[in-house]
Amino acid sequence: MANTIRFSVHRNPQKDEQGRDTYQVRQMTWGTVSKAQLLAHMKRYNVARPELLEMALTVLTNEIVEQLGENRRLHLDGLGTFYLKLGFRERTDEQGNRYKPVFTDPSRITGNDVCVEGIGFTPDKEFTESVRHQPYSFEHGQARGDVGHSADYTDEEFMGLLNRYLDEHGYVTERRLVSDFGLTRYRASKWLERLSTGPDALLRGERVGKAVVYRRR
């Protein structure tokens, strides 16, 4: 039986050479599966003993951190390669604004200017092919012709989802609201502005790297 992949349509930021709008499609997800949910799923279908899998995941996570910190990439056959993504450390100007430095002279770059921005992952070809060639069908998750559609929640629905997400992850970002809640960036920013403004605000935001991270007050 084919899995049905839901998608939404979004306008590209740049027009084509003839000045016409062009479009792309993105998957509309139902959320993110946590480790606890994954273990419960595997237990339900007797795929593996959850306690053994949880131990293996913990060991693997620690190994990835250790190997990357030892200036190595880590390749898992059939899955892919993990590696560090480096960038320049943010600085603060006289007004307290954060910015990324731009260098025009490579000799001026020192270790104090560099930071770890994240982890990169390059999937192996066989892993990519195994995902691509599943028997999918595709379903438009919007009304035909709609662009940049945002999921429509009542206040009660959204707060229920958000509180469960915060209970599990401890924080949320605009990017997570877009990817995990199906919101447009505009709607995500409006929700975050609403929930982090005023004396009774639920959330407080703090800048971490390029992103603003929101946690409960």
C-alpha atoms as a PDB file:
ATOM      1  CA  MET A   1       0.000   0.000   0.000  1.00  0.00           C
ATOM      2  CA  ALA A   2       1.405   3.381  -1.015  1.00  0.00           C
ATOM      3  CA  ASN A   3       2.074   6.100   1.541  1.00  0.00           C
ATOM      4  CA  THR A   4       0.398   9.408   0.724  1.00  0.00           C
ATOM      5  CA  ILE A   5       2.753  12.399   0.818  1.00  0.00           C
ATOM      6  CA  ARG A   6       0.993  15.748   1.393  1.00  0.00           C
ATOM      7  CA  PHE A   7       2.528  18.799  -0.239  1.00  0.00           C
ATOM      8  CA  SER A   8       2.071  22.556  -0.352  1.00  0.00           C
ATOM      9  CA  VAL A   9       2.990  25.062  -3.064  1.00  0.00           C
ATOM     10  CA  HIS A  10       5.233  28.067  -2.422  1.00  0.00           C
ATOM     11  CA  ARG A  11       6.350  30.967  -4.604  1.00  0.00           C
ATOM     12  CA  ASN A  12      10.094  31.224  -5.201  1.00  0.00           C
ATOM     13  CA  PRO A  13      11.617  34.519  -3.996  1.00  0.00           C
ATOM     14  CA  GLN A  14      13.133  35.329  -7.408  1.00  0.00           C
ATOM     15  CA  LYS A  15      11.317  35.555 -10.735  1.00  0.00           C
ATOM     16  CA  ASP A  16      12.592  33.776 -13.841  1.00  0.00           C
ATOM     17  CA  GLU A  17      14.405  35.454 -16.733  1.00  0.00           C
ATOM     18  CA  GLN A  18      11.071  36.541 -18.241  1.00  0.00           C
ATOM     19  CA  GLY A  19       9.962  38.117 -14.953  1.00  0.00           C
ATOM     20  CA  ARG A  20       7.417  35.394 -14.199  1.00  0.00           C
ATOM     21  CA  ASP A  21       6.703  33.886 -10.781  1.00  0.00           C
ATOM     22  CA  THR A  22       7.849  30.299 -10.371  1.00  0.00           C
ATOM     23  CA  TYR A  23       6.867  27.824  -7.685  1.00  0.00           C
ATOM     24  CA  GLN A  24       8.203  24.965  -5.617  1.00  0.00           C
ATOM     25  CA  VAL A  25       6.566  22.228  -3.549  1.00  0.00           C
ATOM     26  CA  ARG A  26       7.278  21.230   0.056  1.00  0.00           C
ATOM     27  CA  GLN A  27       6.141  18.341   2.170  1.00  0.00           C
ATOM     28  CA  MET A  28       3.385  19.152   4.674  1.00  0.00           C
ATOM     29  CA  THR A  29       4.337  17.096   7.721  1.00  0.00           C
ATOM     30  CA  TRP A  30       2.211  16.020  10.661  1.00  0.00           C
ATOM     31  CA  GLY A  31       4.987  16.844  13.105  1.00  0.00           C
ATOM     32  CA  THR A  32       8.219  15.305  14.346  1.00  0.00           C
ATOM     33  CA  VAL A  33       8.523  11.809  15.805  1.00  0.00           C
ATOM     34  CA  SER A  34      10.419  11.904  19.104  1.00  0.00           C
ATOM     35  CA  LYS A  35      12.711   9.166  20.364  1.00  0.00           C
ATOM     36  CA  ALA A  36      10.055   8.086  22.874  1.00  0.00           C
ATOM     37  CA  GLN A  37       7.452   7.821  20.110  1.00  0.00           C
ATOM     38  CA  LEU A  38       9.867   5.886  17.895  1.00  0.00           C
ATOM     39  CA  LEU A  39      10.595   3.406  20.673  1.00  0.00           C
ATOM     40  CA  ALA A  40       6.887   2.986  21.374  1.00  0.00           C
ATOM     41  CA  HIS A  41       6.223   2.364  17.676  1.00  0.00           C
ATOM     42  CA  MET A  42       8.961  -0.263  17.448  1.00  0.00           C
ATOM     43  CA  LYS A  43       7.720  -1.965  20.616  1.00  0.00           C
ATOM     44  CA  ARG A  44       4.181  -2.065  19.245  1.00  0.00           C
ATOM     45  CA  TYR A  45       5.324  -3.804  16.070  1.00  0.00           C
ATOM     46  CA  ASN A  46       8.004  -5.932  17.734  1.00  0.00           C
ATOM     47  CA  VAL A  47      10.749  -4.523  15.518  1.00  0.00           C
ATOM     48  CA  ALA A  48      13.338  -4.566  18.288  1.00  0.00           C
ATOM     49  CA  ARG A  49      13.571  -4.450  22.056  1.00  0.00           C
ATOM     50  CA  PRO A  50      13.098  -0.748  22.888  1.00  0.00           C
ATOM     51  CA  GLU A  51      15.615  -0.764  25.740  1.00  0.00           C
ATOM     52  CA  LEU A  52      18.333  -2.116  23.445  1.00  0.00           C
ATOM     53  CA  LEU A  53      17.503   0.402  20.742  1.00  0.00           C
ATOM     54  CA  GLU A  54      17.504   3.273  23.242  1.00  0.00           C
ATOM     55  CA  MET A  55      20.927   2.199  24.464  1.00  0.00           C
ATOM     56  CA  ALA A  56      22.206   1.970  20.889  1.00  0.00           C
ATOM     57  CA  LEU A  57      20.881   5.448  20.053  1.00  0.00           C
ATOM     58  CA  THR A  58      22.577   6.926  23.123  1.00  0.00           C
ATOM     59  CA  VAL A  59      25.891   5.272  22.280  1.00  0.00           C
ATOM     60  CA  LEU A  60      25.644   6.368  18.646  1.00  0.00           C
ATOM     61  CA  THR A  61      24.872   9.969  19.600  1.00  0.00           C
ATOM     62  CA  ASN A  62      27.885  10.070  21.922  1.00  0.00           C
ATOM     63  CA  GLU A  63      30.103   8.542  19.253  1.00  0.00           C
ATOM     64  CA  ILE A  64      29.048  11.104  16.651  1.00  0.00           C
ATOM     65  CA  VAL A  65      29.866  13.946  19.056  1.00  0.00           C
ATOM     66  CA  GLU A  66      33.234  12.423  19.967  1.00  0.00           C
ATOM     67  CA  GLN A  67      34.350  11.633  16.403  1.00  0.00           C
ATOM     68  CA  LEU A  68      33.363  15.039  15.048  1.00  0.00           C
ATOM     69  CA  GLY A  69      35.231  16.667  17.930  1.00  0.00           C
ATOM     70  CA  GLU A  70      38.325  14.663  16.943  1.00  0.00           C
ATOM     71  CA  ASN A  71      38.384  16.307  13.495  1.00  0.00           C
ATOM     72  CA  ARG A  72      36.838  13.310  11.778  1.00  0.00           C
ATOM     73  CA  ARG A  73      33.778  12.767   9.684  1.00  0.00           C
ATOM     74  CA  LEU A  74      31.676   9.734  10.618  1.00  0.00           C
ATOM     75  CA  HIS A  75      30.346   7.480   7.878  1.00  0.00           C
ATOM     76  CA  LEU A  76      27.662   4.880   8.613  1.00  0.00           C
ATOM     77  CA  ASP A  77      27.416   2.431   5.738  1.00  0.00           C
ATOM     78  CA  GLY A  78      24.047   2.531   4.067  1.00  0.00           C
ATOM     79  CA  LEU A  79      23.032   5.691   5.911  1.00  0.00           C
ATOM     80  CA  GLY A  80      25.436   8.551   5.277  1.00  0.00           C
ATOM     81  CA  THR A  81      28.200  10.796   6.569  1.00  0.00           C
ATOM     82  CA  PHE A  82      28.083  13.261   9.465  1.00  0.00           C
ATOM     83  CA  TYR A  83      30.430  16.257   9.557  1.00  0.00           C
ATOM     84  CA  LEU A  84      30.832  19.595  11.336  1.00  0.00           C
ATOM     85  CA  LYS A  85      29.629  22.818   9.714  1.00  0.00           C
ATOM     86  CA  LEU A  86      31.835  25.762  10.680  1.00  0.00           C
ATOM     87  CA  GLY A  87      31.223  29.478  10.365  1.00  0.00           C
ATOM     88  CA  PHE A  88      32.215  32.804  11.844  1.00  0.00           C
ATOM     89  CA  ARG A  89      31.324  33.687  15.420  1.00  0.00           C
ATOM     90  CA  GLU A  90      28.845  36.519  15.855  1.00  0.00           C
ATOM     91  CA  ARG A  91      30.061  39.811  17.265  1.00  0.00           C
ATOM     92  CA  THR A  92      28.290  42.634  19.058  1.00  0.00           C
ATOM     93  CA  ASP A  93      28.509  46.238  17.868  1.00  0.00           C
ATOM     94  CA  GLU A  94      28.434  49.343  20.065  1.00  0.00           C
ATOM     95  CA  GLN A  95      24.613  49.411  19.973  1.00  0.00           C
ATOM     96  CA  GLY A  96      24.394  45.825  21.198  1.00  0.00           C
ATOM     97  CA  ASN A  97      23.337  44.434  17.799  1.00  0.00           C
ATOM     98  CA  ARG A  98      24.618  41.006  16.814  1.00  0.00           C
ATOM     99  CA  TYR A  99      26.271  40.560  13.407  1.00  0.00           C
ATOM    100  CA  LYS A 100      28.444  38.128  11.469  1.00  0.00           C
ATOM    101  CA  PRO A 101      31.873  39.474  10.487  1.00  0.00           C
ATOM    102  CA  VAL A 102      32.928  39.564   6.833  1.00  0.00           C
ATOM    103  CA  PHE A 103      36.597  39.022   6.061  1.00  0.00           C
ATOM    104  CA  THR A 104      38.394  40.335   2.967  1.00  0.00           C
ATOM    105  CA  ASP A 105      41.874  39.357   4.197  1.00  0.00           C
ATOM    106  CA  PRO A 106      42.302  35.637   5.036  1.00  0.00           C
ATOM    107  CA  SER A 107      45.344  36.353   7.181  1.00  0.00           C
ATOM    108  CA  ARG A 108      43.105  38.164   9.683  1.00  0.00           C
ATOM    109  CA  ILE A 109      41.025  35.055  10.444  1.00  0.00           C
ATOM    110  CA  THR A 110      41.955  33.421  13.758  1.00  0.00           C
ATOM    111  CA  GLY A 111      40.548  30.618  15.862  1.00  0.00           C
ATOM    112  CA  ASN A 112      38.670  33.176  17.958  1.00  0.00           C
ATOM    113  CA  ASP A 113      36.602  34.066  14.867  1.00  0.00           C
ATOM    114  CA  VAL A 114      35.396  30.512  14.194  1.00  0.00           C
ATOM    115  CA  CYS A 115      32.526  28.532  15.716  1.00  0.00           C
ATOM    116  CA  VAL A 116      30.545  25.343  15.095  1.00  0.00           C
ATOM    117  CA  GLU A 117      27.297  26.336  13.363  1.00  0.00           C
ATOM    118  CA  GLY A 118      25.810  22.872  13.140  1.00  0.00           C
ATOM    119  CA  ILE A 119      26.126  19.324  11.873  1.00  0.00           C
ATOM    120  CA  GLY A 120      25.975  18.409   8.211  1.00  0.00           C
ATOM    121  CA  PHE A 121      24.710  15.113   6.875  1.00  0.00           C
ATOM    122  CA  THR A 122      25.240  13.670   3.408  1.00  0.00           C
ATOM    123  CA  PRO A 123      23.101  10.574   2.801  1.00  0.00           C
ATOM    124  CA  ASP A 124      24.524   7.554   1.022  1.00  0.00           C
ATOM    125  CA  LYS A 125      23.151   6.924  -2.438  1.00  0.00           C
ATOM    126  CA  GLU A 126      21.468   3.656  -1.433  1.00  0.00           C
ATOM    127  CA  PHE A 127      19.751   5.354   1.516  1.00  0.00           C
ATOM    128  CA  THR A 128      18.480   8.152  -0.709  1.00  0.00           C
ATOM    129  CA  GLU A 129      17.289   5.659  -3.310  1.00  0.00           C
ATOM    130  CA  SER A 130      15.480   3.551  -0.714  1.00  0.00           C
ATOM    131  CA  VAL A 131      13.529   6.650   0.357  1.00  0.00           C
ATOM    132  CA  ARG A 132      12.880   7.919  -3.171  1.00  0.00           C
ATOM    133  CA  HIS A 133      11.607   4.652  -4.574  1.00  0.00           C
ATOM    134  CA  GLN A 134       8.958   3.807  -2.008  1.00  0.00           C
ATOM    135  CA  PRO A 135       5.454   3.416  -3.543  1.00  0.00           C
ATOM    136  CA  TYR A 136       4.281   6.952  -2.736  1.00  0.00           C
ATOM    137  CA  SER A 137       1.219   8.761  -3.939  1.00  0.00           C
ATOM    138  CA  PHE A 138       1.021  12.553  -3.643  1.00  0.00           C
ATOM    139  CA  GLU A 139      -1.842  14.682  -2.418  1.00  0.00           C
ATOM    140  CA  HIS A 140      -2.204  18.457  -2.629  1.00  0.00           C
ATOM    141  CA  GLY A 141      -2.716  19.615   0.956  1.00  0.00           C
ATOM    142  CA  GLN A 142      -4.155  22.974  -0.109  1.00  0.00           C
ATOM    143  CA  ALA A 143      -6.956  24.203  -2.300  1.00  0.00           C
ATOM    144  CA  ARG A 144      -5.782  24.113  -5.903  1.00  0.00           C
ATOM    145  CA  GLY A 145      -3.974  27.335  -6.741  1.00  0.00           C
ATOM    146  CA  ASP A 146      -3.332  28.348  -3.132  1.00  0.00           C
ATOM    147  CA  VAL A 147       0.234  29.476  -2.425  1.00  0.00           C
ATOM    148  CA  GLY A 148       2.047  29.568   0.894  1.00  0.00           C
ATOM    149  CA  HIS A 149      -0.952  28.164   2.739  1.00  0.00           C
ATOM    150  CA  SER A 150      -0.634  28.064   6.520  1.00  0.00           C
ATOM    151  CA  ALA A 151      -2.271  25.482   8.728  1.00  0.00           C
ATOM    152  CA  ASP A 152      -5.366  26.953  10.376  1.00  0.00           C
ATOM    153  CA  TYR A 153      -5.648  26.294  14.121  1.00  0.00           C
ATOM    154  CA  THR A 154      -8.066  27.531  16.712  1.00  0.00           C
ATOM    155  CA  ASP A 155      -6.411  29.069  19.783  1.00  0.00           C
ATOM    156  CA  GLU A 156      -7.198  25.930  21.765  1.00  0.00           C
ATOM    157  CA  GLU A 157      -5.782  23.594  19.105  1.00  0.00           C
ATOM    158  CA  PHE A 158      -2.594  25.603  18.677  1.00  0.00           C
ATOM    159  CA  MET A 159      -1.946  25.985  22.404  1.00  0.00           C
ATOM    160  CA  GLY A 160      -2.479  22.260  22.919  1.00  0.00           C
ATOM    161  CA  LEU A 161       0.061  21.426  20.216  1.00  0.00           C
ATOM    162  CA  LEU A 162       2.501  24.060  21.428  1.00  0.00           C
ATOM    163  CA  ASN A 163       2.370  22.960  25.074  1.00  0.00           C
ATOM    164  CA  ARG A 164       2.951  19.328  24.126  1.00  0.00           C
ATOM    165  CA  TYR A 165       5.877  20.410  21.937  1.00  0.00           C
ATOM    166  CA  LEU A 166       7.375  22.505  24.760  1.00  0.00           C
ATOM    167  CA  ASP A 167       6.906  19.655  27.242  1.00  0.00           C
ATOM    168  CA  GLU A 168       8.913  17.402  24.931  1.00  0.00           C
ATOM    169  CA  HIS A 169      11.555  19.758  23.547  1.00  0.00           C
ATOM    170  CA  GLY A 170      11.716  22.621  26.050  1.00  0.00           C
ATOM    171  CA  TYR A 171      11.810  25.321  23.383  1.00  0.00           C
ATOM    172  CA  VAL A 172      10.451  26.287  19.984  1.00  0.00           C
ATOM    173  CA  THR A 173      11.650  28.455  17.087  1.00  0.00           C
ATOM    174  CA  GLU A 174       9.969  30.077  14.121  1.00  0.00           C
ATOM    175  CA  ARG A 175      11.571  27.468  11.872  1.00  0.00           C
ATOM    176  CA  ARG A 176      10.073  24.636  13.949  1.00  0.00           C
ATOM    177  CA  LEU A 177       6.614  26.171  13.756  1.00  0.00           C
ATOM    178  CA  VAL A 178       6.983  26.210   9.976  1.00  0.00           C
ATOM    179  CA  SER A 179       8.336  22.662   9.613  1.00  0.00           C
ATOM    180  CA  ASP A 180       6.452  20.874  12.413  1.00  0.00           C
ATOM    181  CA  PHE A 181       3.202  22.864  12.653  1.00  0.00           C
ATOM    182  CA  GLY A 182       2.673  23.578   8.941  1.00  0.00           C
ATOM    183  CA  LEU A 183       2.623  27.359   9.349  1.00  0.00           C
ATOM    184  CA  THR A 184       3.960  29.960   6.963  1.00  0.00           C
ATOM    185  CA  ARG A 185       6.805  32.088   8.297  1.00  0.00           C
ATOM    186  CA  TYR A 186       4.402  35.019   8.546  1.00  0.00           C
ATOM    187  CA  ARG A 187       1.872  33.098  10.657  1.00  0.00           C
ATOM    188  CA  ALA A 188       4.626  31.557  12.779  1.00  0.00           C
ATOM    189  CA  SER A 189       6.125  34.981  13.527  1.00  0.00           C
ATOM    190  CA  LYS A 190       2.672  36.336  14.425  1.00  0.00           C
ATOM    191  CA  TRP A 191       2.026  33.500  16.886  1.00  0.00           C
ATOM    192  CA  LEU A 192       5.453  34.004  18.501  1.00  0.00           C
ATOM    193  CA  GLU A 193       4.986  37.759  18.706  1.00  0.00           C
ATOM    194  CA  ARG A 194       1.576  37.298  20.303  1.00  0.00           C
ATOM    195  CA  LEU A 195       2.789  34.746  22.851  1.00  0.00           C
ATOM    196  CA  SER A 196       5.958  36.606  23.859  1.00  0.00           C
ATOM    197  CA  THR A 197       4.508  40.123  24.253  1.00  0.00           C
ATOM    198  CA  GLY A 198       2.953  41.657  27.351  1.00  0.00           C
ATOM    199  CA  PRO A 199       3.177  41.081  31.101  1.00  0.00           C
ATOM    200  CA  ASP A 200       1.341  37.741  30.922  1.00  0.00           C
ATOM    201  CA  ALA A 201       3.331  36.409  27.961  1.00  0.00           C
ATOM    202  CA  LEU A 202       3.747  32.640  27.859  1.00  0.00           C
ATOM    203  CA  LEU A 203       7.113  32.711  26.077  1.00  0.00           C
ATOM    204  CA  ARG A 204      10.385  34.576  26.308  1.00  0.00           C
ATOM    205  CA  GLY A 205      12.774  34.730  23.366  1.00  0.00           C
ATOM    206  CA  GLU A 206      16.565  34.770  23.338  1.00  0.00           C
ATOM    207  CA  ARG A 207      18.920  34.820  20.380  1.00  0.00           C
ATOM    208  CA  VAL A 208      21.040  31.692  19.989  1.00  0.00           C
ATOM    209  CA  GLY A 209      23.288  31.939  16.937  1.00  0.00           C
ATOM    210  CA  LYS A 210      21.109  32.951  13.987  1.00  0.00           C
ATOM    211  CA  ALA A 211      17.814  31.878  15.537  1.00  0.00           C
ATOM    212  CA  VAL A 212      15.600  33.245  18.289  1.00  0.00           C
ATOM    213  CA  VAL A 213      14.745  30.444  20.715  1.00  0.00           C
ATOM    214  CA  TYR A 214      11.483  30.702  22.686  1.00  0.00           C
ATOM    215  CA  ARG A 215      10.999  29.044  26.078  1.00  0.00           C
ATOM    216  CA  ARG A 216       8.308  29.257  28.717  1.00  0.00           C
ATOM    217  CA  ARG A 217       8.718  32.143  31.143  1.00  0.00           C
END
